Amino acid sequence: MNISDDVLCLFSAQIERQNGSYRIEIPERELTLGDLKSGSSYRVAILSSDSAQTTANETRRPTQDRGASAPPVEVGDQRTVDIEDIGEQGDGIARVERGYVVVVPETELNERVTIEITKVTETVAFGEVLEREEYYQ
């Protein structure tokens, strides 16, 4: 799949049902750090997480190699992720396919980092920072 150079932002989100319609939350950082402006109109494309293109810095084994209930990452996988939250222990939290949580120590909220997965459990994985990226390089 090719993603146009005209794309202003790209992020993962859950689609939520709300009062007979569906809602997608746009992370605040897309408005404060990106090219979007509140009150403006934009076209939105929704891609299946199974069909989303991997970035050049991301290596991933084909989804069909992993069962539907198996974690979507394996030890040694490299991903570029956004830190979406900070956990109780102060570690960064990122989410990948199906909302699967990856804990990344020594990161800050809204930071974009390339990580290597170091440990995988059924419900959470742990990653180590390989590279910190400037937002919208």
N, C-alpha and C. Protein backbone atom coordinates (compact mmCIF):
# COMPACT_ATOMS: atom_id res chain seq x y z
N MET A 1 0.84 -1.16 0.00
CA MET A 1 0.00 0.00 0.00
C MET A 1 0.89 1.23 0.00
N ASN A 2 0.56 2.19 -0.84
CA ASN A 2 1.29 3.45 -0.89
C ASN A 2 0.51 4.51 -0.14
N ILE A 3 1.21 5.28 0.67
CA ILE A 3 0.59 6.39 1.38
C ILE A 3 1.12 7.67 0.77
N SER A 4 0.21 8.53 0.36
CA SER A 4 0.55 9.77 -0.33
C SER A 4 1.43 10.68 0.51
N ASP A 5 2.29 11.44 -0.16
CA ASP A 5 3.11 12.44 0.53
C ASP A 5 2.26 13.61 1.01
N ASP A 6 0.99 13.69 0.55
CA ASP A 6 0.09 14.76 0.97
C ASP A 6 -0.52 14.50 2.35
N VAL A 7 -0.30 13.33 2.94
CA VAL A 7 -0.86 13.01 4.25
C VAL A 7 -0.25 13.95 5.28
N LEU A 8 -1.13 14.62 6.05
CA LEU A 8 -0.67 15.58 7.06
C LEU A 8 -0.35 14.90 8.39
N CYS A 9 -1.06 13.85 8.71
CA CYS A 9 -0.76 13.12 9.94
C CYS A 9 -1.20 11.68 9.78
N LEU A 10 -0.59 10.81 10.56
CA LEU A 10 -0.89 9.40 10.54
C LEU A 10 -0.78 8.90 11.97
N PHE A 11 -1.85 8.32 12.49
CA PHE A 11 -1.83 7.83 13.86
C PHE A 11 -2.80 6.66 13.98
N SER A 12 -2.68 5.90 15.05
CA SER A 12 -3.59 4.79 15.32
C SER A 12 -4.63 5.25 16.32
N ALA A 13 -5.86 4.78 16.13
CA ALA A 13 -6.93 5.13 17.06
C ALA A 13 -7.98 4.02 17.04
N GLN A 14 -8.74 3.94 18.10
CA GLN A 14 -9.85 3.02 18.19
C GLN A 14 -11.11 3.73 17.70
N ILE A 15 -11.98 3.02 17.02
CA ILE A 15 -13.26 3.56 16.62
C ILE A 15 -14.25 3.20 17.72
N GLU A 16 -14.92 4.22 18.28
CA GLU A 16 -15.85 4.00 19.38
C GLU A 16 -17.27 4.32 18.95
N ARG A 17 -18.20 3.46 19.36
CA ARG A 17 -19.61 3.70 19.07
C ARG A 17 -20.16 4.64 20.13
N GLN A 18 -20.93 5.66 19.69
CA GLN A 18 -21.45 6.64 20.63
C GLN A 18 -22.78 7.18 20.10
N ASN A 19 -23.86 6.86 20.79
CA ASN A 19 -25.19 7.38 20.46
C ASN A 19 -25.56 7.19 18.99
N GLY A 20 -25.43 5.99 18.47
CA GLY A 20 -25.83 5.70 17.10
C GLY A 20 -24.86 6.14 16.03
N SER A 21 -23.69 6.63 16.40
CA SER A 21 -22.67 6.98 15.42
C SER A 21 -21.33 6.47 15.94
N TYR A 22 -20.29 6.75 15.19
CA TYR A 22 -18.96 6.29 15.58
C TYR A 22 -18.03 7.49 15.71
N ARG A 23 -17.04 7.37 16.58
CA ARG A 23 -16.16 8.49 16.88
C ARG A 23 -14.72 8.03 16.89
N ILE A 24 -13.85 8.88 16.36
CA ILE A 24 -12.40 8.67 16.40
C ILE A 24 -11.80 9.90 17.07
N GLU A 25 -10.98 9.68 18.09
CA GLU A 25 -10.32 10.81 18.74
C GLU A 25 -9.01 11.10 18.04
N ILE A 26 -8.79 12.37 17.76
CA ILE A 26 -7.52 12.81 17.18
C ILE A 26 -6.63 13.25 18.33
N PRO A 27 -5.44 12.66 18.47
CA PRO A 27 -4.55 13.06 19.56
C PRO A 27 -4.25 14.55 19.52
N GLU A 28 -4.22 15.18 20.67
CA GLU A 28 -3.96 16.62 20.77
C GLU A 28 -2.66 17.01 20.09
N ARG A 29 -1.66 16.15 20.16
CA ARG A 29 -0.36 16.48 19.57
C ARG A 29 -0.46 16.71 18.06
N GLU A 30 -1.46 16.10 17.39
CA GLU A 30 -1.62 16.30 15.95
C GLU A 30 -2.02 17.75 15.65
N LEU A 31 -2.70 18.40 16.57
CA LEU A 31 -3.08 19.80 16.39
C LEU A 31 -2.00 20.74 16.89
N THR A 32 -1.34 20.39 17.99
CA THR A 32 -0.35 21.31 18.56
C THR A 32 1.01 21.19 17.90
N LEU A 33 1.36 19.99 17.41
CA LEU A 33 2.68 19.79 16.82
C LEU A 33 2.64 19.58 15.31
N GLY A 34 1.47 19.29 14.79
CA GLY A 34 1.36 18.95 13.38
C GLY A 34 0.82 20.07 12.53
N ASP A 35 0.28 19.69 11.37
CA ASP A 35 -0.20 20.65 10.38
C ASP A 35 -1.71 20.84 10.42
N LEU A 36 -2.41 20.23 11.40
CA LEU A 36 -3.86 20.36 11.48
C LEU A 36 -4.25 21.59 12.27
N LYS A 37 -5.42 22.16 11.92
CA LYS A 37 -5.92 23.34 12.62
C LYS A 37 -7.34 23.06 13.09
N SER A 38 -7.61 23.34 14.36
CA SER A 38 -8.93 23.15 14.92
C SER A 38 -9.97 23.95 14.14
N GLY A 39 -11.12 23.33 13.86
CA GLY A 39 -12.19 24.01 13.14
C GLY A 39 -12.10 23.88 11.63
N SER A 40 -10.99 23.36 11.11
CA SER A 40 -10.83 23.17 9.67
C SER A 40 -11.39 21.81 9.25
N SER A 41 -11.71 21.66 7.98
CA SER A 41 -12.22 20.40 7.45
C SER A 41 -11.09 19.61 6.79
N TYR A 42 -11.11 18.30 7.01
CA TYR A 42 -10.10 17.41 6.43
C TYR A 42 -10.78 16.14 5.96
N ARG A 43 -10.16 15.45 5.02
CA ARG A 43 -10.60 14.12 4.62
C ARG A 43 -9.87 13.12 5.50
N VAL A 44 -10.57 12.07 5.89
CA VAL A 44 -10.00 11.05 6.76
C VAL A 44 -10.07 9.71 6.05
N ALA A 45 -8.98 8.97 6.06
CA ALA A 45 -8.96 7.61 5.52
C ALA A 45 -8.82 6.66 6.69
N ILE A 46 -9.58 5.60 6.66
CA ILE A 46 -9.49 4.60 7.73
C ILE A 46 -8.92 3.32 7.12
N LEU A 47 -7.82 2.86 7.68
CA LEU A 47 -7.14 1.68 7.19
C LEU A 47 -7.23 0.59 8.25
N SER A 48 -7.41 -0.63 7.83
CA SER A 48 -7.39 -1.74 8.75
C SER A 48 -5.99 -1.86 9.32
N SER A 49 -5.87 -2.18 10.59
CA SER A 49 -4.54 -2.32 11.18
C SER A 49 -3.77 -3.46 10.52
N ASP A 50 -4.48 -4.44 9.95
CA ASP A 50 -3.81 -5.53 9.24
C ASP A 50 -3.25 -5.09 7.91
N SER A 51 -3.82 -4.01 7.32
CA SER A 51 -3.36 -3.58 6.00
C SER A 51 -2.48 -2.35 6.07
N ALA A 52 -2.29 -1.79 7.27
CA ALA A 52 -1.49 -0.58 7.39
C ALA A 52 -0.06 -0.85 6.96
N GLN A 53 0.49 0.09 6.23
CA GLN A 53 1.87 -0.05 5.73
C GLN A 53 2.84 0.08 6.88
N THR A 54 3.85 -0.75 6.91
CA THR A 54 4.90 -0.60 7.91
C THR A 54 5.86 0.47 7.44
N THR A 55 6.44 1.18 8.39
CA THR A 55 7.39 2.23 8.03
C THR A 55 8.73 1.62 7.69
N ALA A 56 9.61 2.42 7.14
CA ALA A 56 10.94 1.92 6.76
C ALA A 56 11.71 1.44 7.98
N ASN A 57 11.41 2.02 9.15
CA ASN A 57 12.12 1.64 10.37
C ASN A 57 11.45 0.49 11.10
N GLU A 58 10.43 -0.10 10.51
CA GLU A 58 9.64 -1.12 11.20
C GLU A 58 9.79 -2.45 10.49
N THR A 59 10.12 -3.46 11.24
CA THR A 59 10.16 -4.80 10.67
C THR A 59 9.09 -5.61 11.37
N ARG A 60 8.37 -6.41 10.60
CA ARG A 60 7.27 -7.16 11.18
C ARG A 60 7.08 -8.44 10.38
N ARG A 61 6.81 -9.51 11.10
CA ARG A 61 6.50 -10.76 10.42
C ARG A 61 5.05 -10.70 9.98
N PRO A 62 4.68 -11.39 8.92
CA PRO A 62 3.31 -11.34 8.43
C PRO A 62 2.30 -11.71 9.51
N THR A 63 1.16 -11.00 9.51
CA THR A 63 0.13 -11.20 10.52
C THR A 63 -0.36 -12.64 10.53
N GLN A 64 -0.43 -13.29 9.37
CA GLN A 64 -0.96 -14.64 9.35
C GLN A 64 -0.07 -15.63 10.12
N ASP A 65 1.17 -15.27 10.41
CA ASP A 65 2.04 -16.14 11.19
C ASP A 65 1.66 -16.13 12.67
N ARG A 66 0.87 -15.18 13.09
CA ARG A 66 0.49 -15.05 14.48
C ARG A 66 -1.00 -15.28 14.60
N GLY A 67 -1.40 -16.08 15.57
CA GLY A 67 -2.83 -16.32 15.77
C GLY A 67 -3.55 -15.05 16.15
N ALA A 68 -4.87 -15.02 15.93
CA ALA A 68 -5.67 -13.83 16.21
C ALA A 68 -5.55 -13.39 17.66
N SER A 69 -5.38 -14.35 18.59
CA SER A 69 -5.29 -13.98 20.00
C SER A 69 -3.84 -13.86 20.46
N ALA A 70 -2.89 -14.18 19.61
CA ALA A 70 -1.48 -14.07 19.97
C ALA A 70 -1.06 -12.61 19.94
N PRO A 71 -0.06 -12.24 20.74
CA PRO A 71 0.44 -10.86 20.70
C PRO A 71 0.89 -10.49 19.28
N PRO A 72 0.66 -9.23 18.87
CA PRO A 72 1.02 -8.80 17.52
C PRO A 72 2.50 -8.48 17.34
N VAL A 73 3.31 -8.71 18.38
CA VAL A 73 4.75 -8.46 18.30
C VAL A 73 5.50 -9.67 18.82
N GLU A 74 6.77 -9.74 18.45
CA GLU A 74 7.66 -10.80 18.93
C GLU A 74 8.96 -10.17 19.38
N VAL A 75 9.68 -10.84 20.25
CA VAL A 75 10.99 -10.37 20.70
C VAL A 75 11.86 -10.14 19.47
N GLY A 76 12.51 -8.98 19.42
CA GLY A 76 13.38 -8.64 18.30
C GLY A 76 12.72 -7.74 17.27
N ASP A 77 11.37 -7.67 17.27
CA ASP A 77 10.69 -6.77 16.34
C ASP A 77 11.11 -5.33 16.62
N GLN A 78 11.21 -4.53 15.56
CA GLN A 78 11.49 -3.10 15.71
C GLN A 78 10.28 -2.33 15.21
N ARG A 79 9.89 -1.32 15.97
CA ARG A 79 8.73 -0.50 15.64
C ARG A 79 9.02 0.96 15.93
N THR A 80 8.42 1.84 15.15
CA THR A 80 8.41 3.25 15.47
C THR A 80 7.05 3.52 16.07
N VAL A 81 7.02 3.99 17.33
CA VAL A 81 5.77 4.18 18.06
C VAL A 81 5.72 5.56 18.69
N ASP A 82 4.50 5.99 18.99
CA ASP A 82 4.28 7.23 19.73
C ASP A 82 3.92 6.86 21.16
N ILE A 83 4.54 7.55 22.12
CA ILE A 83 4.23 7.31 23.53
C ILE A 83 2.94 8.06 23.83
N GLU A 84 1.88 7.30 24.10
CA GLU A 84 0.54 7.85 24.26
C GLU A 84 0.16 8.13 25.71
N ASP A 85 0.88 7.53 26.65
CA ASP A 85 0.52 7.65 28.06
C ASP A 85 1.75 7.33 28.89
N ILE A 86 1.67 7.68 30.17
CA ILE A 86 2.73 7.34 31.11
C ILE A 86 2.12 6.44 32.19
N GLY A 87 2.74 5.30 32.44
CA GLY A 87 2.23 4.34 33.41
C GLY A 87 2.52 4.74 34.84
N GLU A 88 1.99 3.97 35.77
CA GLU A 88 2.15 4.24 37.20
C GLU A 88 3.61 4.26 37.64
N GLN A 89 4.46 3.49 36.98
CA GLN A 89 5.88 3.42 37.32
C GLN A 89 6.70 4.49 36.60
N GLY A 90 6.04 5.33 35.77
CA GLY A 90 6.73 6.39 35.04
C GLY A 90 7.23 5.98 33.66
N ASP A 91 6.92 4.76 33.25
CA ASP A 91 7.34 4.28 31.93
C ASP A 91 6.36 4.73 30.86
N GLY A 92 6.86 4.95 29.64
CA GLY A 92 6.01 5.31 28.52
C GLY A 92 5.18 4.13 28.07
N ILE A 93 3.98 4.43 27.55
CA ILE A 93 3.08 3.40 27.06
C ILE A 93 2.71 3.72 25.62
N ALA A 94 2.93 2.75 24.75
CA ALA A 94 2.54 2.86 23.35
C ALA A 94 1.57 1.73 23.05
N ARG A 95 0.79 1.91 22.00
CA ARG A 95 -0.14 0.85 21.58
C ARG A 95 0.12 0.54 20.11
N VAL A 96 0.07 -0.75 19.80
CA VAL A 96 0.25 -1.19 18.42
C VAL A 96 -1.04 -1.88 17.98
N GLU A 97 -0.99 -2.79 17.06
CA GLU A 97 -2.19 -3.44 16.54
C GLU A 97 -3.10 -3.92 17.65
N ARG A 98 -4.40 -3.79 17.39
CA ARG A 98 -5.47 -4.24 18.29
C ARG A 98 -5.35 -3.62 19.68
N GLY A 99 -4.67 -2.48 19.79
CA GLY A 99 -4.55 -1.80 21.08
C GLY A 99 -3.59 -2.47 22.05
N TYR A 100 -2.79 -3.39 21.55
CA TYR A 100 -1.83 -4.12 22.38
C TYR A 100 -0.82 -3.14 22.96
N VAL A 101 -0.58 -3.24 24.27
CA VAL A 101 0.25 -2.29 25.00
C VAL A 101 1.73 -2.69 24.96
N VAL A 102 2.58 -1.69 24.69
CA VAL A 102 4.02 -1.86 24.77
C VAL A 102 4.56 -0.83 25.76
N VAL A 103 5.23 -1.29 26.80
CA VAL A 103 5.82 -0.42 27.82
C VAL A 103 7.24 -0.09 27.40
N VAL A 104 7.56 1.22 27.40
CA VAL A 104 8.87 1.67 26.96
C VAL A 104 9.48 2.57 28.03
N PRO A 105 10.40 2.05 28.85
CA PRO A 105 11.02 2.86 29.90
C PRO A 105 11.81 4.04 29.32
N GLU A 106 11.99 5.05 30.16
CA GLU A 106 12.81 6.22 29.83
C GLU A 106 12.30 6.97 28.61
N THR A 107 10.99 7.11 28.50
CA THR A 107 10.38 7.91 27.43
C THR A 107 9.41 8.91 28.04
N GLU A 108 9.02 9.89 27.23
CA GLU A 108 8.12 10.93 27.69
C GLU A 108 6.85 10.93 26.86
N LEU A 109 5.79 11.48 27.42
CA LEU A 109 4.51 11.58 26.74
C LEU A 109 4.67 12.30 25.41
N ASN A 110 4.04 11.78 24.37
CA ASN A 110 4.05 12.31 23.00
C ASN A 110 5.38 12.16 22.26
N GLU A 111 6.31 11.47 22.84
CA GLU A 111 7.60 11.24 22.17
C GLU A 111 7.43 10.13 21.12
N ARG A 112 8.10 10.28 19.99
CA ARG A 112 8.11 9.24 18.96
C ARG A 112 9.48 8.58 18.99
N VAL A 113 9.48 7.25 19.16
CA VAL A 113 10.73 6.51 19.30
C VAL A 113 10.70 5.24 18.46
N THR A 114 11.87 4.83 18.03
CA THR A 114 12.01 3.52 17.41
C THR A 114 12.49 2.59 18.51
N ILE A 115 11.78 1.47 18.67
CA ILE A 115 12.09 0.54 19.76
C ILE A 115 12.36 -0.85 19.22
N GLU A 116 13.00 -1.64 20.07
CA GLU A 116 13.12 -3.07 19.82
C GLU A 116 12.39 -3.78 20.94
N ILE A 117 11.54 -4.73 20.58
CA ILE A 117 10.78 -5.49 21.57
C ILE A 117 11.73 -6.44 22.29
N THR A 118 11.76 -6.36 23.63
CA THR A 118 12.70 -7.17 24.41
C THR A 118 12.02 -8.29 25.19
N LYS A 119 10.71 -8.12 25.47
CA LYS A 119 9.97 -9.14 26.22
C LYS A 119 8.51 -9.07 25.79
N VAL A 120 7.87 -10.25 25.62
CA VAL A 120 6.48 -10.31 25.20
C VAL A 120 5.71 -11.24 26.13
N THR A 121 4.57 -10.75 26.62
CA THR A 121 3.65 -11.60 27.37
C THR A 121 2.32 -11.59 26.61
N GLU A 122 1.35 -12.32 27.12
CA GLU A 122 0.06 -12.39 26.45
C GLU A 122 -0.64 -11.03 26.39
N THR A 123 -0.43 -10.18 27.40
CA THR A 123 -1.17 -8.92 27.48
C THR A 123 -0.33 -7.67 27.31
N VAL A 124 0.98 -7.77 27.40
CA VAL A 124 1.83 -6.58 27.31
C VAL A 124 3.22 -6.97 26.83
N ALA A 125 3.88 -6.04 26.13
CA ALA A 125 5.26 -6.25 25.71
C ALA A 125 6.11 -5.12 26.27
N PHE A 126 7.41 -5.30 26.25
CA PHE A 126 8.35 -4.29 26.73
C PHE A 126 9.35 -4.01 25.62
N GLY A 127 9.67 -2.74 25.46
CA GLY A 127 10.59 -2.34 24.41
C GLY A 127 11.70 -1.47 24.93
N GLU A 128 12.78 -1.44 24.19
CA GLU A 128 13.95 -0.63 24.52
C GLU A 128 14.16 0.37 23.40
N VAL A 129 14.43 1.62 23.76
CA VAL A 129 14.59 2.68 22.76
C VAL A 129 15.88 2.47 21.97
N LEU A 130 15.73 2.47 20.65
CA LEU A 130 16.88 2.43 19.75
C LEU A 130 17.21 3.82 19.24
N GLU A 131 16.14 4.60 18.99
CA GLU A 131 16.34 5.94 18.42
C GLU A 131 15.17 6.84 18.81
N ARG A 132 15.48 8.07 19.14
CA ARG A 132 14.45 9.07 19.43
C ARG A 132 14.32 9.94 18.18
N GLU A 133 13.10 10.21 17.79
CA GLU A 133 12.87 10.97 16.55
C GLU A 133 12.29 12.33 16.86
N GLU A 134 12.68 13.30 16.05
CA GLU A 134 12.05 14.61 16.10
C GLU A 134 10.66 14.43 15.54
N TYR A 135 9.67 15.03 16.15
CA TYR A 135 8.31 14.89 15.67
C TYR A 135 8.19 15.53 14.30
N TYR A 136 7.61 14.83 13.36
CA TYR A 136 7.43 15.26 11.97
C TYR A 136 8.75 15.61 11.31
N GLN A 137 9.71 14.71 11.37
CA GLN A 137 11.01 14.92 10.73
C GLN A 137 10.84 15.19 9.27
